[in-house]
Amino acid sequence: MKYVSEAITGILITSLFLAACAKVGAPTGGVRDSEPPRYVGGEPENRSTHFSGKEINFWFDEYIQLKDLNKELMISPPLEEKPDVRIREKGIRIERRRRCHAFGSKVSVGIELRH
């Protein structure tokens, strides 16, 4: 009988410790991040001329997320064929699928990210 009461006491004490440690609810998080990521570099460099590569890369100082790529990434002039755009951690890669006149040496192409 003594062992049964000790076992029950041990189970109750363990249950109280476990119940006190776990709290149900969403984590509070931290301070809301209100500043957009900062541009830290890219390939080709900003304002480059005579670019003949197949891909364009942008790097930022923090991880990025785009909710609606069609609304947040603007390429001007519009391209005949949509490029392959990939978001990778702290960067964006824009890769054209085939040679496109809009990325030619005589055309200025503007790329804008909106948030």
PDB file of N, CA and C in Angstrom:
ATOM      1  N   MET A   1       0.819  -1.192   0.000  1.00  0.00           N
ATOM      2  CA  MET A   1       0.000   0.000   0.000  1.00  0.00           C
ATOM      3  C   MET A   1       0.865   1.259   0.000  1.00  0.00           C
ATOM      4  N   LYS A   2       1.980   1.170   0.708  1.00  0.00           N
ATOM      5  CA  LYS A   2       2.877   2.300   0.798  1.00  0.00           C
ATOM      6  C   LYS A   2       3.430   2.657  -0.581  1.00  0.00           C
ATOM      7  N   TYR A   3       3.766   1.616  -1.356  1.00  0.00           N
ATOM      8  CA  TYR A   3       4.320   1.843  -2.690  1.00  0.00           C
ATOM      9  C   TYR A   3       3.285   2.434  -3.639  1.00  0.00           C
ATOM     10  N   VAL A   4       2.024   2.054  -3.492  1.00  0.00           N
ATOM     11  CA  VAL A   4       0.957   2.571  -4.348  1.00  0.00           C
ATOM     12  C   VAL A   4       0.747   4.056  -4.073  1.00  0.00           C
ATOM     13  N   SER A   5       0.732   4.444  -2.812  1.00  0.00           N
ATOM     14  CA  SER A   5       0.534   5.861  -2.486  1.00  0.00           C
ATOM     15  C   SER A   5       1.733   6.705  -2.930  1.00  0.00           C
ATOM     16  N   GLU A   6       2.956   6.165  -2.845  1.00  0.00           N
ATOM     17  CA  GLU A   6       4.129   6.883  -3.320  1.00  0.00           C
ATOM     18  C   GLU A   6       4.087   7.028  -4.850  1.00  0.00           C
ATOM     19  N   ALA A   7       3.649   5.993  -5.536  1.00  0.00           N
ATOM     20  CA  ALA A   7       3.552   6.045  -6.992  1.00  0.00           C
ATOM     21  C   ALA A   7       2.513   7.068  -7.428  1.00  0.00           C
ATOM     22  N   ILE A   8       1.371   7.093  -6.759  1.00  0.00           N
ATOM     23  CA  ILE A   8       0.318   8.059  -7.088  1.00  0.00           C
ATOM     24  C   ILE A   8       0.807   9.473  -6.810  1.00  0.00           C
ATOM     25  N   THR A   9       1.494   9.687  -5.704  1.00  0.00           N
ATOM     26  CA  THR A   9       2.038  10.999  -5.369  1.00  0.00           C
ATOM     27  C   THR A   9       3.058  11.433  -6.434  1.00  0.00           C
ATOM     28  N   GLY A  10       3.926  10.515  -6.831  1.00  0.00           N
ATOM     29  CA  GLY A  10       4.925  10.817  -7.868  1.00  0.00           C
ATOM     30  C   GLY A  10       4.274  11.177  -9.194  1.00  0.00           C
ATOM     31  N   ILE A  11       3.229  10.461  -9.568  1.00  0.00           N
ATOM     32  CA  ILE A  11       2.523  10.742 -10.821  1.00  0.00           C
ATOM     33  C   ILE A  11       1.847  12.108 -10.746  1.00  0.00           C
ATOM     34  N   LEU A  12       1.241  12.437  -9.623  1.00  0.00           N
ATOM     35  CA  LEU A  12       0.585  13.736  -9.469  1.00  0.00           C
ATOM     36  C   LEU A  12       1.590  14.888  -9.545  1.00  0.00           C
ATOM     37  N   ILE A  13       2.721  14.741  -8.877  1.00  0.00           N
ATOM     38  CA  ILE A  13       3.737  15.797  -8.892  1.00  0.00           C
ATOM     39  C   ILE A  13       4.288  15.979 -10.311  1.00  0.00           C
ATOM     40  N   THR A  14       4.572  14.871 -10.995  1.00  0.00           N
ATOM     41  CA  THR A  14       5.058  14.940 -12.377  1.00  0.00           C
ATOM     42  C   THR A  14       4.020  15.591 -13.283  1.00  0.00           C
ATOM     43  N   SER A  15       2.763  15.245 -13.108  1.00  0.00           N
ATOM     44  CA  SER A  15       1.687  15.831 -13.918  1.00  0.00           C
ATOM     45  C   SER A  15       1.586  17.336 -13.704  1.00  0.00           C
ATOM     46  N   LEU A  16       1.734  17.783 -12.452  1.00  0.00           N
ATOM     47  CA  LEU A  16       1.682  19.217 -12.165  1.00  0.00           C
ATOM     48  C   LEU A  16       2.833  19.970 -12.832  1.00  0.00           C
ATOM     49  N   PHE A  17       4.046  19.394 -12.801  1.00  0.00           N
ATOM     50  CA  PHE A  17       5.186  20.039 -13.448  1.00  0.00           C
ATOM     51  C   PHE A  17       4.988  20.130 -14.960  1.00  0.00           C
ATOM     52  N   LEU A  18       4.530  19.055 -15.566  1.00  0.00           N
ATOM     53  CA  LEU A  18       4.324  19.049 -17.014  1.00  0.00           C
ATOM     54  C   LEU A  18       3.202  20.007 -17.419  1.00  0.00           C
ATOM     55  N   ALA A  19       2.148  20.071 -16.635  1.00  0.00           N
ATOM     56  CA  ALA A  19       1.035  20.965 -16.951  1.00  0.00           C
ATOM     57  C   ALA A  19       1.448  22.425 -16.810  1.00  0.00           C
ATOM     58  N   ALA A  20       2.337  22.718 -15.868  1.00  0.00           N
ATOM     59  CA  ALA A  20       2.765  24.090 -15.658  1.00  0.00           C
ATOM     60  C   ALA A  20       3.716  24.559 -16.768  1.00  0.00           C
ATOM     61  N   CYS A  21       4.434  23.641 -17.417  1.00  0.00           N
ATOM     62  CA  CYS A  21       5.400  24.010 -18.453  1.00  0.00           C
ATOM     63  C   CYS A  21       4.731  24.333 -19.781  1.00  0.00           C
ATOM     64  N   ALA A  22       3.726  23.601 -20.158  1.00  0.00           N
ATOM     65  CA  ALA A  22       3.102  23.769 -21.467  1.00  0.00           C
ATOM     66  C   ALA A  22       1.939  24.753 -21.388  1.00  0.00           C
ATOM     67  N   LYS A  23       1.988  25.751 -22.268  1.00  0.00           N
ATOM     68  CA  LYS A  23       0.901  26.714 -22.348  1.00  0.00           C
ATOM     69  C   LYS A  23       0.336  26.682 -23.761  1.00  0.00           C
ATOM     70  N   VAL A  24      -0.943  26.576 -23.877  1.00  0.00           N
ATOM     71  CA  VAL A  24      -1.600  26.541 -25.170  1.00  0.00           C
ATOM     72  C   VAL A  24      -1.818  27.974 -25.638  1.00  0.00           C
ATOM     73  N   GLY A  25      -1.481  28.245 -26.893  1.00  0.00           N
ATOM     74  CA  GLY A  25      -1.688  29.581 -27.443  1.00  0.00           C
ATOM     75  C   GLY A  25      -0.637  29.912 -28.468  1.00  0.00           C
ATOM     76  N   ALA A  26      -0.880  30.940 -29.225  1.00  0.00           N
ATOM     77  CA  ALA A  26       0.059  31.382 -30.251  1.00  0.00           C
ATOM     78  C   ALA A  26       1.216  32.141 -29.611  1.00  0.00           C
ATOM     79  N   PRO A  27       2.420  31.999 -30.163  1.00  0.00           N
ATOM     80  CA  PRO A  27       3.540  32.773 -29.634  1.00  0.00           C
ATOM     81  C   PRO A  27       3.317  34.265 -29.889  1.00  0.00           C
ATOM     82  N   THR A  28       3.797  35.072 -28.986  1.00  0.00           N
ATOM     83  CA  THR A  28       3.582  36.510 -29.097  1.00  0.00           C
ATOM     84  C   THR A  28       4.453  37.150 -30.163  1.00  0.00           C
ATOM     85  N   GLY A  29       5.552  36.513 -30.546  1.00  0.00           N
ATOM     86  CA  GLY A  29       6.432  37.083 -31.565  1.00  0.00           C
ATOM     87  C   GLY A  29       7.225  38.234 -30.994  1.00  0.00           C
ATOM     88  N   GLY A  30       7.610  39.142 -31.849  1.00  0.00           N
ATOM     89  CA  GLY A  30       8.391  40.291 -31.415  1.00  0.00           C
ATOM     90  C   GLY A  30       7.794  41.564 -31.962  1.00  0.00           C
ATOM     91  N   VAL A  31       8.619  42.558 -32.070  1.00  0.00           N
ATOM     92  CA  VAL A  31       8.197  43.847 -32.600  1.00  0.00           C
ATOM     93  C   VAL A  31       7.914  43.686 -34.091  1.00  0.00           C
ATOM     94  N   ARG A  32       6.838  44.282 -34.580  1.00  0.00           N
ATOM     95  CA  ARG A  32       6.457  44.178 -35.981  1.00  0.00           C
ATOM     96  C   ARG A  32       7.531  44.810 -36.859  1.00  0.00           C
ATOM     97  N   ASP A  33       7.929  44.091 -37.900  1.00  0.00           N
ATOM     98  CA  ASP A  33       8.944  44.569 -38.843  1.00  0.00           C
ATOM     99  C   ASP A  33       8.255  45.458 -39.870  1.00  0.00           C
ATOM    100  N   SER A  34       8.462  46.757 -39.767  1.00  0.00           N
ATOM    101  CA  SER A  34       7.778  47.692 -40.656  1.00  0.00           C
ATOM    102  C   SER A  34       8.687  48.211 -41.773  1.00  0.00           C
ATOM    103  N   GLU A  35       9.978  47.916 -41.727  1.00  0.00           N
ATOM    104  CA  GLU A  35      10.905  48.386 -42.752  1.00  0.00           C
ATOM    105  C   GLU A  35      11.092  47.307 -43.808  1.00  0.00           C
ATOM    106  N   PRO A  36      11.060  47.689 -45.084  1.00  0.00           N
ATOM    107  CA  PRO A  36      11.286  46.702 -46.144  1.00  0.00           C
ATOM    108  C   PRO A  36      12.747  46.264 -46.167  1.00  0.00           C
ATOM    109  N   PRO A  37      13.033  45.107 -46.760  1.00  0.00           N
ATOM    110  CA  PRO A  37      14.429  44.683 -46.885  1.00  0.00           C
ATOM    111  C   PRO A  37      15.228  45.702 -47.688  1.00  0.00           C
ATOM    112  N   ARG A  38      16.511  45.840 -47.386  1.00  0.00           N
ATOM    113  CA  ARG A  38      17.378  46.782 -48.101  1.00  0.00           C
ATOM    114  C   ARG A  38      18.170  46.033 -49.168  1.00  0.00           C
ATOM    115  N   TYR A  39      18.285  46.644 -50.318  1.00  0.00           N
ATOM    116  CA  TYR A  39      19.063  46.101 -51.422  1.00  0.00           C
ATOM    117  C   TYR A  39      20.544  46.174 -51.071  1.00  0.00           C
ATOM    118  N   VAL A  40      21.261  45.050 -51.180  1.00  0.00           N
ATOM    119  CA  VAL A  40      22.687  45.052 -50.857  1.00  0.00           C
ATOM    120  C   VAL A  40      23.573  44.756 -52.063  1.00  0.00           C
ATOM    121  N   GLY A  41      22.984  44.329 -53.175  1.00  0.00           N
ATOM    122  CA  GLY A  41      23.803  44.085 -54.355  1.00  0.00           C
ATOM    123  C   GLY A  41      23.075  43.219 -55.360  1.00  0.00           C
ATOM    124  N   GLY A  42      23.727  43.019 -56.484  1.00  0.00           N
ATOM    125  CA  GLY A  42      23.131  42.199 -57.517  1.00  0.00           C
ATOM    126  C   GLY A  42      24.064  41.963 -58.674  1.00  0.00           C
ATOM    127  N   GLU A  43      23.630  41.109 -59.572  1.00  0.00           N
ATOM    128  CA  GLU A  43      24.343  40.825 -60.815  1.00  0.00           C
ATOM    129  C   GLU A  43      23.345  40.932 -61.943  1.00  0.00           C
ATOM    130  N   PRO A  44      23.528  41.745 -62.902  1.00  0.00           N
ATOM    131  CA  PRO A  44      24.615  42.701 -63.055  1.00  0.00           C
ATOM    132  C   PRO A  44      24.465  43.857 -62.071  1.00  0.00           C
ATOM    133  N   GLU A  45      25.495  44.645 -61.924  1.00  0.00           N
ATOM    134  CA  GLU A  45      25.442  45.800 -61.025  1.00  0.00           C
ATOM    135  C   GLU A  45      24.365  46.774 -61.476  1.00  0.00           C
ATOM    136  N   ASN A  46      23.829  47.535 -60.550  1.00  0.00           N
ATOM    137  CA  ASN A  46      22.821  48.543 -60.855  1.00  0.00           C
ATOM    138  C   ASN A  46      23.368  49.518 -61.904  1.00  0.00           C
ATOM    139  N   ARG A  47      22.545  49.863 -62.859  1.00  0.00           N
ATOM    140  CA  ARG A  47      22.868  50.783 -63.953  1.00  0.00           C
ATOM    141  C   ARG A  47      23.918  50.226 -64.917  1.00  0.00           C
ATOM    142  N   SER A  48      24.013  48.905 -64.997  1.00  0.00           N
ATOM    143  CA  SER A  48      24.945  48.288 -65.936  1.00  0.00           C
ATOM    144  C   SER A  48      24.468  48.507 -67.369  1.00  0.00           C
ATOM    145  N   THR A  49      25.415  48.496 -68.301  1.00  0.00           N
ATOM    146  CA  THR A  49      25.080  48.605 -69.721  1.00  0.00           C
ATOM    147  C   THR A  49      25.654  47.403 -70.459  1.00  0.00           C
ATOM    148  N   HIS A  50      25.124  47.144 -71.627  1.00  0.00           N
ATOM    149  CA  HIS A  50      25.574  46.048 -72.499  1.00  0.00           C
ATOM    150  C   HIS A  50      25.484  44.692 -71.798  1.00  0.00           C
ATOM    151  N   PHE A  51      24.402  44.466 -71.097  1.00  0.00           N
ATOM    152  CA  PHE A  51      24.199  43.196 -70.392  1.00  0.00           C
ATOM    153  C   PHE A  51      23.757  42.138 -71.390  1.00  0.00           C
ATOM    154  N   SER A  52      24.461  41.017 -71.430  1.00  0.00           N
ATOM    155  CA  SER A  52      24.100  39.949 -72.361  1.00  0.00           C
ATOM    156  C   SER A  52      23.865  38.629 -71.649  1.00  0.00           C
ATOM    157  N   GLY A  53      23.807  38.644 -70.327  1.00  0.00           N
ATOM    158  CA  GLY A  53      23.602  37.418 -69.568  1.00  0.00           C
ATOM    159  C   GLY A  53      22.175  36.915 -69.657  1.00  0.00           C
ATOM    160  N   LYS A  54      21.959  35.768 -69.070  1.00  0.00           N
ATOM    161  CA  LYS A  54      20.640  35.145 -69.105  1.00  0.00           C
ATOM    162  C   LYS A  54      19.874  35.324 -67.797  1.00  0.00           C
ATOM    163  N   GLU A  55      20.559  35.708 -66.728  1.00  0.00           N
ATOM    164  CA  GLU A  55      19.888  35.850 -65.439  1.00  0.00           C
ATOM    165  C   GLU A  55      20.291  37.135 -64.729  1.00  0.00           C
ATOM    166  N   ILE A  56      19.372  37.610 -63.897  1.00  0.00           N
ATOM    167  CA  ILE A  56      19.579  38.805 -63.085  1.00  0.00           C
ATOM    168  C   ILE A  56      19.333  38.411 -61.643  1.00  0.00           C
ATOM    169  N   ASN A  57      20.224  38.805 -60.744  1.00  0.00           N
ATOM    170  CA  ASN A  57      20.098  38.456 -59.336  1.00  0.00           C
ATOM    171  C   ASN A  57      20.077  39.711 -58.469  1.00  0.00           C
ATOM    172  N   PHE A  58      19.233  39.698 -57.445  1.00  0.00           N
ATOM    173  CA  PHE A  58      19.162  40.769 -56.448  1.00  0.00           C
ATOM    174  C   PHE A  58      19.362  40.140 -55.081  1.00  0.00           C
ATOM    175  N   TRP A  59      20.125  40.809 -54.204  1.00  0.00           N
ATOM    176  CA  TRP A  59      20.322  40.326 -52.840  1.00  0.00           C
ATOM    177  C   TRP A  59      19.909  41.411 -51.860  1.00  0.00           C
ATOM    178  N   PHE A  60      19.304  40.975 -50.758  1.00  0.00           N
ATOM    179  CA  PHE A  60      18.796  41.889 -49.741  1.00  0.00           C
ATOM    180  C   PHE A  60      19.394  41.539 -48.393  1.00  0.00           C
ATOM    181  N   ASP A  61      19.201  42.422 -47.410  1.00  0.00           N
ATOM    182  CA  ASP A  61      19.789  42.216 -46.085  1.00  0.00           C
ATOM    183  C   ASP A  61      18.969  41.303 -45.190  1.00  0.00           C
ATOM    184  N   GLU A  62      17.811  40.864 -45.644  1.00  0.00           N
ATOM    185  CA  GLU A  62      16.990  39.944 -44.857  1.00  0.00           C
ATOM    186  C   GLU A  62      16.150  39.085 -45.795  1.00  0.00           C
ATOM    187  N   TYR A  63      15.536  38.068 -45.244  1.00  0.00           N
ATOM    188  CA  TYR A  63      14.697  37.178 -46.034  1.00  0.00           C
ATOM    189  C   TYR A  63      13.520  37.951 -46.610  1.00  0.00           C
ATOM    190  N   ILE A  64      13.114  37.595 -47.810  1.00  0.00           N
ATOM    191  CA  ILE A  64      12.027  38.310 -48.467  1.00  0.00           C
ATOM    192  C   ILE A  64      10.881  37.370 -48.787  1.00  0.00           C
ATOM    193  N   GLN A  65       9.695  37.948 -48.888  1.00  0.00           N
ATOM    194  CA  GLN A  65       8.493  37.216 -49.266  1.00  0.00           C
ATOM    195  C   GLN A  65       7.683  38.103 -50.195  1.00  0.00           C
ATOM    196  N   LEU A  66       7.240  37.545 -51.289  1.00  0.00           N
ATOM    197  CA  LEU A  66       6.351  38.254 -52.191  1.00  0.00           C
ATOM    198  C   LEU A  66       5.025  37.504 -52.201  1.00  0.00           C
ATOM    199  N   LYS A  67       3.944  38.205 -51.915  1.00  0.00           N
ATOM    200  CA  LYS A  67       2.630  37.566 -51.865  1.00  0.00           C
ATOM    201  C   LYS A  67       2.068  37.327 -53.257  1.00  0.00           C
ATOM    202  N   ASP A  68       2.145  38.326 -54.112  1.00  0.00           N
ATOM    203  CA  ASP A  68       1.620  38.215 -55.466  1.00  0.00           C
ATOM    204  C   ASP A  68       2.679  38.729 -56.426  1.00  0.00           C
ATOM    205  N   LEU A  69       3.429  37.815 -56.992  1.00  0.00           N
ATOM    206  CA  LEU A  69       4.552  38.164 -57.840  1.00  0.00           C
ATOM    207  C   LEU A  69       4.140  39.052 -59.010  1.00  0.00           C
ATOM    208  N   ASN A  70       2.979  38.813 -59.596  1.00  0.00           N
ATOM    209  CA  ASN A  70       2.534  39.600 -60.746  1.00  0.00           C
ATOM    210  C   ASN A  70       2.261  41.057 -60.392  1.00  0.00           C
ATOM    211  N   LYS A  71       1.909  41.344 -59.147  1.00  0.00           N
ATOM    212  CA  LYS A  71       1.636  42.718 -58.727  1.00  0.00           C
ATOM    213  C   LYS A  71       2.864  43.399 -58.125  1.00  0.00           C
ATOM    214  N   GLU A  72       3.760  42.634 -57.542  1.00  0.00           N
ATOM    215  CA  GLU A  72       4.880  43.214 -56.805  1.00  0.00           C
ATOM    216  C   GLU A  72       6.181  43.321 -57.604  1.00  0.00           C
ATOM    217  N   LEU A  73       6.311  42.571 -58.693  1.00  0.00           N
ATOM    218  CA  LEU A  73       7.500  42.636 -59.532  1.00  0.00           C
ATOM    219  C   LEU A  73       7.094  43.197 -60.889  1.00  0.00           C
ATOM    220  N   MET A  74       7.609  44.376 -61.210  1.00  0.00           N
ATOM    221  CA  MET A  74       7.272  45.033 -62.472  1.00  0.00           C
ATOM    222  C   MET A  74       8.526  45.111 -63.346  1.00  0.00           C
ATOM    223  N   ILE A  75       8.415  44.627 -64.585  1.00  0.00           N
ATOM    224  CA  ILE A  75       9.510  44.718 -65.553  1.00  0.00           C
ATOM    225  C   ILE A  75       9.010  45.575 -66.694  1.00  0.00           C
ATOM    226  N   SER A  76       9.787  46.616 -67.023  1.00  0.00           N
ATOM    227  CA  SER A  76       9.373  47.547 -68.060  1.00  0.00           C
ATOM    228  C   SER A  76      10.523  47.742 -69.039  1.00  0.00           C
ATOM    229  N   PRO A  77      10.320  47.625 -70.325  1.00  0.00           N
ATOM    230  CA  PRO A  77       9.060  47.366 -71.010  1.00  0.00           C
ATOM    231  C   PRO A  77       8.623  45.918 -70.784  1.00  0.00           C
ATOM    232  N   PRO A  78       7.315  45.655 -70.912  1.00  0.00           N
ATOM    233  CA  PRO A  78       6.827  44.286 -70.718  1.00  0.00           C
ATOM    234  C   PRO A  78       7.515  43.312 -71.673  1.00  0.00           C
ATOM    235  N   LEU A  79       7.822  42.137 -71.179  1.00  0.00           N
ATOM    236  CA  LEU A  79       8.504  41.130 -71.984  1.00  0.00           C
ATOM    237  C   LEU A  79       7.490  40.297 -72.756  1.00  0.00           C
ATOM    238  N   GLU A  80       7.921  39.785 -73.917  1.00  0.00           N
ATOM    239  CA  GLU A  80       7.047  38.933 -74.722  1.00  0.00           C
ATOM    240  C   GLU A  80       6.713  37.653 -73.960  1.00  0.00           C
ATOM    241  N   GLU A  81       7.696  37.096 -73.302  1.00  0.00           N
ATOM    242  CA  GLU A  81       7.531  35.848 -72.556  1.00  0.00           C
ATOM    243  C   GLU A  81       7.922  36.097 -71.103  1.00  0.00           C
ATOM    244  N   LYS A  82       7.107  35.620 -70.175  1.00  0.00           N
ATOM    245  CA  LYS A  82       7.410  35.834 -68.755  1.00  0.00           C
ATOM    246  C   LYS A  82       8.706  35.124 -68.370  1.00  0.00           C
ATOM    247  N   PRO A  83       9.574  35.812 -67.645  1.00  0.00           N
ATOM    248  CA  PRO A  83      10.807  35.166 -67.185  1.00  0.00           C
ATOM    249  C   PRO A  83      10.521  34.230 -66.012  1.00  0.00           C
ATOM    250  N   ASP A  84      11.458  33.355 -65.747  1.00  0.00           N
ATOM    251  CA  ASP A  84      11.365  32.454 -64.604  1.00  0.00           C
ATOM    252  C   ASP A  84      11.898  33.217 -63.393  1.00  0.00           C
ATOM    253  N   VAL A  85      11.053  33.477 -62.403  1.00  0.00           N
ATOM    254  CA  VAL A  85      11.445  34.245 -61.221  1.00  0.00           C
ATOM    255  C   VAL A  85      11.438  33.315 -60.016  1.00  0.00           C
ATOM    256  N   ARG A  86      12.552  33.292 -59.302  1.00  0.00           N
ATOM    257  CA  ARG A  86      12.664  32.447 -58.104  1.00  0.00           C
ATOM    258  C   ARG A  86      13.130  33.288 -56.924  1.00  0.00           C
ATOM    259  N   ILE A  87      12.484  33.046 -55.808  1.00  0.00           N
ATOM    260  CA  ILE A  87      12.882  33.705 -54.564  1.00  0.00           C
ATOM    261  C   ILE A  87      13.664  32.685 -53.757  1.00  0.00           C
ATOM    262  N   ARG A  88      14.878  33.060 -53.396  1.00  0.00           N
ATOM    263  CA  ARG A  88      15.735  32.153 -52.631  1.00  0.00           C
ATOM    264  C   ARG A  88      16.286  32.903 -51.430  1.00  0.00           C
ATOM    265  N   GLU A  89      15.733  32.581 -50.280  1.00  0.00           N
ATOM    266  CA  GLU A  89      16.161  33.167 -49.015  1.00  0.00           C
ATOM    267  C   GLU A  89      16.240  34.683 -49.086  1.00  0.00           C
ATOM    268  N   LYS A  90      17.420  35.241 -49.243  1.00  0.00           N
ATOM    269  CA  LYS A  90      17.592  36.694 -49.213  1.00  0.00           C
ATOM    270  C   LYS A  90      17.776  37.269 -50.615  1.00  0.00           C
ATOM    271  N   GLY A  91      17.280  36.583 -51.629  1.00  0.00           N
ATOM    272  CA  GLY A  91      17.492  37.073 -52.982  1.00  0.00           C
ATOM    273  C   GLY A  91      16.391  36.710 -53.949  1.00  0.00           C
ATOM    274  N   ILE A  92      16.460  37.351 -55.113  1.00  0.00           N
ATOM    275  CA  ILE A  92      15.539  37.092 -56.209  1.00  0.00           C
ATOM    276  C   ILE A  92      16.375  36.818 -57.451  1.00  0.00           C
ATOM    277  N   ARG A  93      15.995  35.781 -58.180  1.00  0.00           N
ATOM    278  CA  ARG A  93      16.673  35.439 -59.431  1.00  0.00           C
ATOM    279  C   ARG A  93      15.655  35.529 -60.561  1.00  0.00           C
ATOM    280  N   ILE A  94      15.962  36.340 -61.569  1.00  0.00           N
ATOM    281  CA  ILE A  94      15.116  36.480 -62.749  1.00  0.00           C
ATOM    282  C   ILE A  94      15.897  35.888 -63.908  1.00  0.00           C
ATOM    283  N   GLU A  95      15.336  34.837 -64.491  1.00  0.00           N
ATOM    284  CA  GLU A  95      16.037  34.145 -65.570  1.00  0.00           C
ATOM    285  C   GLU A  95      15.144  34.097 -66.807  1.00  0.00           C
ATOM    286  N   ARG A  96      15.682  34.557 -67.911  1.00  0.00           N
ATOM    287  CA  ARG A  96      14.907  34.486 -69.142  1.00  0.00           C
ATOM    288  C   ARG A  96      15.057  33.095 -69.734  1.00  0.00           C
ATOM    289  N   ARG A  97      13.982  32.618 -70.303  1.00  0.00           N
ATOM    290  CA  ARG A  97      13.959  31.246 -70.822  1.00  0.00           C
ATOM    291  C   ARG A  97      14.660  31.142 -72.172  1.00  0.00           C
ATOM    292  N   ARG A  98      14.590  32.204 -72.947  1.00  0.00           N
ATOM    293  CA  ARG A  98      15.267  32.214 -74.245  1.00  0.00           C
ATOM    294  C   ARG A  98      15.691  33.646 -74.539  1.00  0.00           C
ATOM    295  N   ARG A  99      16.475  33.821 -75.557  1.00  0.00           N
ATOM    296  CA  ARG A  99      16.947  35.162 -75.925  1.00  0.00           C
ATOM    297  C   ARG A  99      15.741  36.045 -76.219  1.00  0.00           C
ATOM    298  N   CYS A 100      15.730  37.196 -75.598  1.00  0.00           N
ATOM    299  CA  CYS A 100      14.588  38.096 -75.721  1.00  0.00           C
ATOM    300  C   CYS A 100      15.097  39.475 -76.103  1.00  0.00           C
ATOM    301  N   HIS A 101      14.479  40.112 -77.092  1.00  0.00           N
ATOM    302  CA  HIS A 101      14.965  41.409 -77.553  1.00  0.00           C
ATOM    303  C   HIS A 101      14.933  42.476 -76.468  1.00  0.00           C
ATOM    304  N   ALA A 102      14.049  42.351 -75.484  1.00  0.00           N
ATOM    305  CA  ALA A 102      13.925  43.377 -74.439  1.00  0.00           C
ATOM    306  C   ALA A 102      15.159  43.431 -73.544  1.00  0.00           C
ATOM    307  N   PHE A 103      15.937  42.348 -73.473  1.00  0.00           N
ATOM    308  CA  PHE A 103      17.174  42.362 -72.683  1.00  0.00           C
ATOM    309  C   PHE A 103      18.374  42.649 -73.580  1.00  0.00           C
ATOM    310  N   GLY A 104      18.156  43.125 -74.767  1.00  0.00           N
ATOM    311  CA  GLY A 104      19.231  43.390 -75.711  1.00  0.00           C
ATOM    312  C   GLY A 104      20.072  44.586 -75.296  1.00  0.00           C
ATOM    313  N   SER A 105      21.117  44.857 -76.053  1.00  0.00           N
ATOM    314  CA  SER A 105      22.061  45.906 -75.680  1.00  0.00           C
ATOM    315  C   SER A 105      21.536  47.316 -75.950  1.00  0.00           C
ATOM    316  N   LYS A 106      20.490  47.470 -76.768  1.00  0.00           N
ATOM    317  CA  LYS A 106      20.002  48.800 -77.115  1.00  0.00           C
ATOM    318  C   LYS A 106      18.720  49.171 -76.377  1.00  0.00           C
ATOM    319  N   VAL A 107      18.330  48.378 -75.409  1.00  0.00           N
ATOM    320  CA  VAL A 107      17.078  48.631 -74.696  1.00  0.00           C
ATOM    321  C   VAL A 107      17.360  48.798 -73.206  1.00  0.00           C
ATOM    322  N   SER A 108      16.783  49.832 -72.608  1.00  0.00           N
ATOM    323  CA  SER A 108      16.869  49.997 -71.155  1.00  0.00           C
ATOM    324  C   SER A 108      15.707  49.246 -70.523  1.00  0.00           C
ATOM    325  N   VAL A 109      16.025  48.403 -69.573  1.00  0.00           N
ATOM    326  CA  VAL A 109      14.996  47.606 -68.895  1.00  0.00           C
ATOM    327  C   VAL A 109      14.942  48.047 -67.442  1.00  0.00           C
ATOM    328  N   GLY A 110      13.755  48.351 -66.966  1.00  0.00           N
ATOM    329  CA  GLY A 110      13.568  48.722 -65.572  1.00  0.00           C
ATOM    330  C   GLY A 110      12.904  47.591 -64.802  1.00  0.00           C
ATOM    331  N   ILE A 111      13.423  47.293 -63.623  1.00  0.00           N
ATOM    332  CA  ILE A 111      12.833  46.265 -62.758  1.00  0.00           C
ATOM    333  C   ILE A 111      12.516  46.923 -61.439  1.00  0.00           C
ATOM    334  N   GLU A 112      11.269  46.823 -61.031  1.00  0.00           N
ATOM    335  CA  GLU A 112      10.806  47.487 -59.809  1.00  0.00           C
ATOM    336  C   GLU A 112      10.118  46.471 -58.902  1.00  0.00           C
ATOM    337  N   LEU A 113      10.469  46.525 -57.621  1.00  0.00           N
ATOM    338  CA  LEU A 113       9.801  45.703 -56.607  1.00  0.00           C
ATOM    339  C   LEU A 113       8.907  46.604 -55.774  1.00  0.00           C
ATOM    340  N   ARG A 114       7.652  46.258 -55.702  1.00  0.00           N
ATOM    341  CA  ARG A 114       6.714  47.031 -54.887  1.00  0.00           C
ATOM    342  C   ARG A 114       6.344  46.202 -53.669  1.00  0.00           C
ATOM    343  N   HIS A 115       5.992  46.874 -52.604  1.00  0.00           N
ATOM    344  CA  HIS A 115       5.551  46.156 -51.392  1.00  0.00           C
ATOM    345  C   HIS A 115       4.262  46.699 -50.882  1.00  0.00           C
TER     346      HIS A 115
END
